[in-house]
Amino acid sequence: RRILTMGSMGVGPDRNQDATVYVGDLDEQVTEELLWEFFLQCGPIVTVHIPRDKVTQAHSGFGFVEYKTEEDADYAMKILNRIPIFGRPIRVNMSGSDKRAAEVGANLYIGNLAPEIDEQVLYETFCAFGTIIGNTPKVMRDPDSGESKGFAFINFYSFEATDAAIEAMNGQYLCNRPISVGYAYKKD
């Protein structure tokens, strides 16, 4: 399909972010063609893009599907989220730079932090994965003593960044402690 050539699938400014969904938790067997067929059930598609390693051609388990309309993108998010492909439930969200993304989830929880780890250390550790937004990282502290409660939050601009950070950092040692890194879920 000519629409699947790399040239037409750029993630550049031409893409309509409001009509684009981010698809995560993809099995390694998932291809652009397969996503195209799968997501076509919700409406006409403009592009499908799964970023791949230039050398190995392997992907990191996420991609983007751009629809012709925002309504179809919205519908796909409601209908296809958590549907399994190759037995693995996929995650479908609005694309990273969408305003709603900040509300849904480009937000990380980091736990089991050593007391001496502060915002600066976290920033230096996590900024490699993508643009950090807001006044984060934020280490949660005891209001009286000011001591770290052992966990923090980081808000990234995109889901690609959070996925990469979780994959690389969950279980890694920081100041002799294995930290836990995962999605921050809002209480509601």
C-alpha atoms as a PDB file:
ATOM      1  CA  ARG A   1       0.000   0.000   0.000  1.00  0.00           C
ATOM      2  CA  ARG A   2       1.440   3.345  -0.964  1.00  0.00           C
ATOM      3  CA  ILE A   3      -0.084   4.877   2.158  1.00  0.00           C
ATOM      4  CA  LEU A   4       2.199   2.740   4.266  1.00  0.00           C
ATOM      5  CA  THR A   5       5.429   4.004   2.748  1.00  0.00           C
ATOM      6  CA  MET A   6       7.635   5.634   5.345  1.00  0.00           C
ATOM      7  CA  GLY A   7       7.595   8.928   3.481  1.00  0.00           C
ATOM      8  CA  SER A   8       3.898   9.498   3.950  1.00  0.00           C
ATOM      9  CA  MET A   9       3.938   8.359   7.559  1.00  0.00           C
ATOM     10  CA  GLY A  10       5.993  11.083   9.117  1.00  0.00           C
ATOM     11  CA  VAL A  11       5.112  12.197  12.590  1.00  0.00           C
ATOM     12  CA  GLY A  12       5.582  15.769  11.498  1.00  0.00           C
ATOM     13  CA  PRO A  13       3.454  18.886  11.811  1.00  0.00           C
ATOM     14  CA  ASP A  14       1.194  17.736   8.960  1.00  0.00           C
ATOM     15  CA  ARG A  15      -0.434  15.192  11.200  1.00  0.00           C
ATOM     16  CA  ASN A  16      -3.745  16.152  12.757  1.00  0.00           C
ATOM     17  CA  GLN A  17      -3.000  15.475  16.426  1.00  0.00           C
ATOM     18  CA  ASP A  18      -6.650  15.738  17.410  1.00  0.00           C
ATOM     19  CA  ALA A  19      -7.548  12.884  15.068  1.00  0.00           C
ATOM     20  CA  THR A  20      -4.564  10.733  16.059  1.00  0.00           C
ATOM     21  CA  VAL A  21      -4.599   7.949  18.624  1.00  0.00           C
ATOM     22  CA  TYR A  22      -1.572   6.532  20.408  1.00  0.00           C
ATOM     23  CA  VAL A  23      -1.546   2.728  20.522  1.00  0.00           C
ATOM     24  CA  GLY A  24       0.618   1.098  23.201  1.00  0.00           C
ATOM     25  CA  ASP A  25       1.399  -2.360  24.632  1.00  0.00           C
ATOM     26  CA  LEU A  26       1.789  -3.800  21.135  1.00  0.00           C
ATOM     27  CA  ASP A  27       3.048  -7.349  20.659  1.00  0.00           C
ATOM     28  CA  GLU A  28       6.285  -7.507  18.625  1.00  0.00           C
ATOM     29  CA  GLN A  29       4.417  -9.287  15.793  1.00  0.00           C
ATOM     30  CA  VAL A  30       2.131  -6.288  15.211  1.00  0.00           C
ATOM     31  CA  THR A  31       2.777  -4.511  11.895  1.00  0.00           C
ATOM     32  CA  GLU A  32       1.502  -1.282  10.338  1.00  0.00           C
ATOM     33  CA  GLU A  33      -0.693  -3.337   7.996  1.00  0.00           C
ATOM     34  CA  LEU A  34      -2.271  -5.191  10.880  1.00  0.00           C
ATOM     35  CA  LEU A  35      -2.983  -1.990  12.825  1.00  0.00           C
ATOM     36  CA  TRP A  36      -4.446  -0.469   9.664  1.00  0.00           C
ATOM     37  CA  GLU A  37      -6.916  -3.364   9.224  1.00  0.00           C
ATOM     38  CA  PHE A  38      -7.749  -3.414  12.925  1.00  0.00           C
ATOM     39  CA  PHE A  39      -8.355   0.315  13.351  1.00  0.00           C
ATOM     40  CA  LEU A  40     -10.155   0.682  10.017  1.00  0.00           C
ATOM     41  CA  GLN A  41     -13.224  -0.767  11.776  1.00  0.00           C
ATOM     42  CA  CYS A  42     -13.701   2.645  13.424  1.00  0.00           C
ATOM     43  CA  GLY A  43     -13.383   4.867  10.354  1.00  0.00           C
ATOM     44  CA  PRO A  44     -11.213   5.997   7.423  1.00  0.00           C
ATOM     45  CA  ILE A  45      -7.500   6.225   8.262  1.00  0.00           C
ATOM     46  CA  VAL A  46      -4.936   8.731   6.957  1.00  0.00           C
ATOM     47  CA  THR A  47      -1.703   7.162   8.250  1.00  0.00           C
ATOM     48  CA  VAL A  48      -0.412   4.416  10.503  1.00  0.00           C
ATOM     49  CA  HIS A  49       3.063   4.742  11.962  1.00  0.00           C
ATOM     50  CA  ILE A  50       5.026   2.382  14.230  1.00  0.00           C
ATOM     51  CA  PRO A  51       8.449   3.892  15.027  1.00  0.00           C
ATOM     52  CA  ARG A  52      11.178   1.285  14.485  1.00  0.00           C
ATOM     53  CA  ASP A  53      14.821   0.904  15.388  1.00  0.00           C
ATOM     54  CA  LYS A  54      16.806   1.947  12.303  1.00  0.00           C
ATOM     55  CA  VAL A  55      19.183  -1.018  12.634  1.00  0.00           C
ATOM     56  CA  THR A  56      17.131  -3.944  13.942  1.00  0.00           C
ATOM     57  CA  GLN A  57      13.764  -2.767  12.539  1.00  0.00           C
ATOM     58  CA  ALA A  58      12.206  -3.860  15.849  1.00  0.00           C
ATOM     59  CA  HIS A  59       9.553  -1.598  17.370  1.00  0.00           C
ATOM     60  CA  SER A  60       9.187  -0.554  21.006  1.00  0.00           C
ATOM     61  CA  GLY A  61       5.575  -1.608  21.377  1.00  0.00           C
ATOM     62  CA  PHE A  62       3.740   1.567  20.377  1.00  0.00           C
ATOM     63  CA  GLY A  63       2.471   3.375  17.305  1.00  0.00           C
ATOM     64  CA  PHE A  64       0.083   6.021  16.007  1.00  0.00           C
ATOM     65  CA  VAL A  65      -3.081   5.850  13.940  1.00  0.00           C
ATOM     66  CA  GLU A  66      -4.317   9.046  12.342  1.00  0.00           C
ATOM     67  CA  TYR A  67      -7.990   9.136  11.372  1.00  0.00           C
ATOM     68  CA  LYS A  68      -9.656  11.523   8.955  1.00  0.00           C
ATOM     69  CA  THR A  69     -11.883  12.860  11.730  1.00  0.00           C
ATOM     70  CA  GLU A  70     -11.584  13.497  15.445  1.00  0.00           C
ATOM     71  CA  GLU A  71     -14.883  11.669  15.985  1.00  0.00           C
ATOM     72  CA  ASP A  72     -13.448   8.438  14.565  1.00  0.00           C
ATOM     73  CA  ALA A  73     -10.318   8.787  16.705  1.00  0.00           C
ATOM     74  CA  ASP A  74     -12.500   9.276  19.754  1.00  0.00           C
ATOM     75  CA  TYR A  75     -14.625   6.274  18.818  1.00  0.00           C
ATOM     76  CA  ALA A  76     -11.531   4.074  18.306  1.00  0.00           C
ATOM     77  CA  MET A  77     -10.275   5.059  21.739  1.00  0.00           C
ATOM     78  CA  LYS A  78     -13.561   4.008  23.354  1.00  0.00           C
ATOM     79  CA  ILE A  79     -14.053   0.795  21.341  1.00  0.00           C
ATOM     80  CA  LEU A  80     -10.560  -0.641  20.887  1.00  0.00           C
ATOM     81  CA  ASN A  81      -8.828   0.158  24.187  1.00  0.00           C
ATOM     82  CA  ARG A  82      -7.800  -3.089  25.979  1.00  0.00           C
ATOM     83  CA  ILE A  83      -8.817  -5.320  23.025  1.00  0.00           C
ATOM     84  CA  PRO A  84      -6.177  -8.058  22.677  1.00  0.00           C
ATOM     85  CA  ILE A  85      -4.011  -8.451  19.563  1.00  0.00           C
ATOM     86  CA  PHE A  86      -1.938 -11.663  19.672  1.00  0.00           C
ATOM     87  CA  GLY A  87      -3.362 -12.176  23.168  1.00  0.00           C
ATOM     88  CA  ARG A  88      -2.029  -8.865  24.460  1.00  0.00           C
ATOM     89  CA  PRO A  89      -4.543  -6.098  25.352  1.00  0.00           C
ATOM     90  CA  ILE A  90      -3.572  -2.902  23.526  1.00  0.00           C
ATOM     91  CA  ARG A  91      -3.782   0.562  25.046  1.00  0.00           C
ATOM     92  CA  VAL A  92      -5.471   3.277  22.990  1.00  0.00           C
ATOM     93  CA  ASN A  93      -5.203   6.921  24.077  1.00  0.00           C
ATOM     94  CA  MET A  94      -5.267  10.305  22.427  1.00  0.00           C
ATOM     95  CA  SER A  95      -1.857  11.089  20.959  1.00  0.00           C
ATOM     96  CA  GLY A  96       0.871  12.608  23.153  1.00  0.00           C
ATOM     97  CA  SER A  97       0.529  16.289  22.366  1.00  0.00           C
ATOM     98  CA  ASP A  98      -3.235  16.258  22.743  1.00  0.00           C
ATOM     99  CA  LYS A  99      -4.372  18.429  25.643  1.00  0.00           C
ATOM    100  CA  ARG A 100      -6.266  15.514  27.135  1.00  0.00           C
ATOM    101  CA  ALA A 101      -3.100  13.392  27.274  1.00  0.00           C
ATOM    102  CA  ALA A 102      -1.889  15.360  30.271  1.00  0.00           C
ATOM    103  CA  GLU A 103      -5.123  14.408  32.025  1.00  0.00           C
ATOM    104  CA  VAL A 104      -5.114  10.753  31.043  1.00  0.00           C
ATOM    105  CA  GLY A 105      -1.728   9.554  31.534  1.00  0.00           C
ATOM    106  CA  ALA A 106       1.654  10.755  30.347  1.00  0.00           C
ATOM    107  CA  ASN A 107       2.179  10.808  34.078  1.00  0.00           C
ATOM    108  CA  LEU A 108       4.620   8.575  35.968  1.00  0.00           C
ATOM    109  CA  TYR A 109       4.687   7.373  39.539  1.00  0.00           C
ATOM    110  CA  ILE A 110       8.165   6.584  40.917  1.00  0.00           C
ATOM    111  CA  GLY A 111       8.308   4.615  44.153  1.00  0.00           C
ATOM    112  CA  ASN A 112      10.806   3.107  46.621  1.00  0.00           C
ATOM    113  CA  LEU A 113      13.019   6.195  46.485  1.00  0.00           C
ATOM    114  CA  ALA A 114      15.963   6.559  48.845  1.00  0.00           C
ATOM    115  CA  PRO A 115      15.569   9.563  51.203  1.00  0.00           C
ATOM    116  CA  GLU A 116      18.446  11.460  49.569  1.00  0.00           C
ATOM    117  CA  ILE A 117      16.909  11.438  46.083  1.00  0.00           C
ATOM    118  CA  ASP A 118      15.572  14.877  45.205  1.00  0.00           C
ATOM    119  CA  GLU A 119      13.931  16.537  42.195  1.00  0.00           C
ATOM    120  CA  GLN A 120      17.301  17.371  40.626  1.00  0.00           C
ATOM    121  CA  VAL A 121      18.480  13.738  40.661  1.00  0.00           C
ATOM    122  CA  LEU A 122      15.159  12.575  39.202  1.00  0.00           C
ATOM    123  CA  TYR A 123      15.229  15.258  36.534  1.00  0.00           C
ATOM    124  CA  GLU A 124      18.748  14.299  35.462  1.00  0.00           C
ATOM    125  CA  THR A 125      17.793  10.611  35.440  1.00  0.00           C
ATOM    126  CA  PHE A 126      14.518  10.914  33.523  1.00  0.00           C
ATOM    127  CA  CYS A 127      14.988  13.877  31.153  1.00  0.00           C
ATOM    128  CA  ALA A 128      16.718  11.535  28.687  1.00  0.00           C
ATOM    129  CA  PHE A 129      13.351   9.931  27.864  1.00  0.00           C
ATOM    130  CA  GLY A 130      11.539  13.037  26.697  1.00  0.00           C
ATOM    131  CA  THR A 131      10.262  16.494  27.549  1.00  0.00           C
ATOM    132  CA  ILE A 132       9.220  16.831  31.184  1.00  0.00           C
ATOM    133  CA  ILE A 133       6.379  19.295  31.728  1.00  0.00           C
ATOM    134  CA  GLY A 134       4.860  21.230  34.572  1.00  0.00           C
ATOM    135  CA  ASN A 135       6.641  21.670  37.883  1.00  0.00           C
ATOM    136  CA  THR A 136       7.756  18.037  37.861  1.00  0.00           C
ATOM    137  CA  PRO A 137       9.532  15.829  38.909  1.00  0.00           C
ATOM    138  CA  LYS A 138       7.858  16.314  42.283  1.00  0.00           C
ATOM    139  CA  VAL A 139       9.074  14.346  45.298  1.00  0.00           C
ATOM    140  CA  MET A 140       6.272  13.968  47.840  1.00  0.00           C
ATOM    141  CA  ARG A 141       7.414  15.156  51.280  1.00  0.00           C
ATOM    142  CA  ASP A 142       6.154  15.142  54.835  1.00  0.00           C
ATOM    143  CA  PRO A 143       4.643  18.645  55.350  1.00  0.00           C
ATOM    144  CA  ASP A 144       6.163  18.949  58.842  1.00  0.00           C
ATOM    145  CA  SER A 145       9.647  17.460  58.556  1.00  0.00           C
ATOM    146  CA  GLY A 146      10.138  18.043  54.823  1.00  0.00           C
ATOM    147  CA  GLU A 147      11.484  14.490  54.518  1.00  0.00           C
ATOM    148  CA  SER A 148      10.815  12.499  51.370  1.00  0.00           C
ATOM    149  CA  LYS A 149       7.907  10.045  51.568  1.00  0.00           C
ATOM    150  CA  GLY A 150       9.818   7.808  49.159  1.00  0.00           C
ATOM    151  CA  PHE A 151       7.791   8.474  46.020  1.00  0.00           C
ATOM    152  CA  ALA A 152       7.501  11.086  43.295  1.00  0.00           C
ATOM    153  CA  PHE A 153       5.593  12.029  40.142  1.00  0.00           C
ATOM    154  CA  ILE A 154       6.866  13.040  36.717  1.00  0.00           C
ATOM    155  CA  ASN A 155       4.697  14.424  33.946  1.00  0.00           C
ATOM    156  CA  PHE A 156       5.972  13.857  30.406  1.00  0.00           C
ATOM    157  CA  TYR A 157       4.784  15.566  27.247  1.00  0.00           C
ATOM    158  CA  SER A 158       4.193  12.263  25.451  1.00  0.00           C
ATOM    159  CA  PHE A 159       3.223   8.658  26.035  1.00  0.00           C
ATOM    160  CA  GLU A 160       6.315   7.529  24.102  1.00  0.00           C
ATOM    161  CA  ALA A 161       8.428   9.087  26.851  1.00  0.00           C
ATOM    162  CA  THR A 162       6.516   7.417  29.688  1.00  0.00           C
ATOM    163  CA  ASP A 163       6.619   4.025  27.956  1.00  0.00           C
ATOM    164  CA  ALA A 164      10.363   4.343  27.373  1.00  0.00           C
ATOM    165  CA  ALA A 165      10.985   5.483  30.953  1.00  0.00           C
ATOM    166  CA  ILE A 166       8.989   2.599  32.439  1.00  0.00           C
ATOM    167  CA  GLU A 167      10.718   0.062  30.205  1.00  0.00           C
ATOM    168  CA  ALA A 168      14.208   1.351  30.984  1.00  0.00           C
ATOM    169  CA  MET A 169      13.902   2.382  34.635  1.00  0.00           C
ATOM    170  CA  ASN A 170      11.419   0.091  36.409  1.00  0.00           C
ATOM    171  CA  GLY A 171      13.458  -2.066  38.816  1.00  0.00           C
ATOM    172  CA  GLN A 172      16.701  -0.141  38.191  1.00  0.00           C
ATOM    173  CA  TYR A 173      18.836   0.798  41.176  1.00  0.00           C
ATOM    174  CA  LEU A 174      19.013   4.448  42.165  1.00  0.00           C
ATOM    175  CA  CYS A 175      21.097   5.139  45.294  1.00  0.00           C
ATOM    176  CA  ASN A 176      21.257   1.381  46.032  1.00  0.00           C
ATOM    177  CA  ARG A 177      17.500   0.840  45.865  1.00  0.00           C
ATOM    178  CA  PRO A 178      15.462  -0.703  43.044  1.00  0.00           C
ATOM    179  CA  ILE A 179      12.924   1.972  42.123  1.00  0.00           C
ATOM    180  CA  SER A 180       9.454   1.167  40.818  1.00  0.00           C
ATOM    181  CA  VAL A 181       8.260   3.145  37.817  1.00  0.00           C
ATOM    182  CA  GLY A 182       4.711   2.930  36.473  1.00  0.00           C
ATOM    183  CA  TYR A 183       1.726   4.951  35.315  1.00  0.00           C
ATOM    184  CA  ALA A 184       0.248   7.350  37.836  1.00  0.00           C
ATOM    185  CA  TYR A 185      -3.492   6.778  38.094  1.00  0.00           C
ATOM    186  CA  LYS A 186      -5.800   9.506  39.292  1.00  0.00           C
ATOM    187  CA  LYS A 187      -7.939   8.577  42.276  1.00  0.00           C
ATOM    188  CA  ASP A 188     -11.160   9.047  40.329  1.00  0.00           C
END
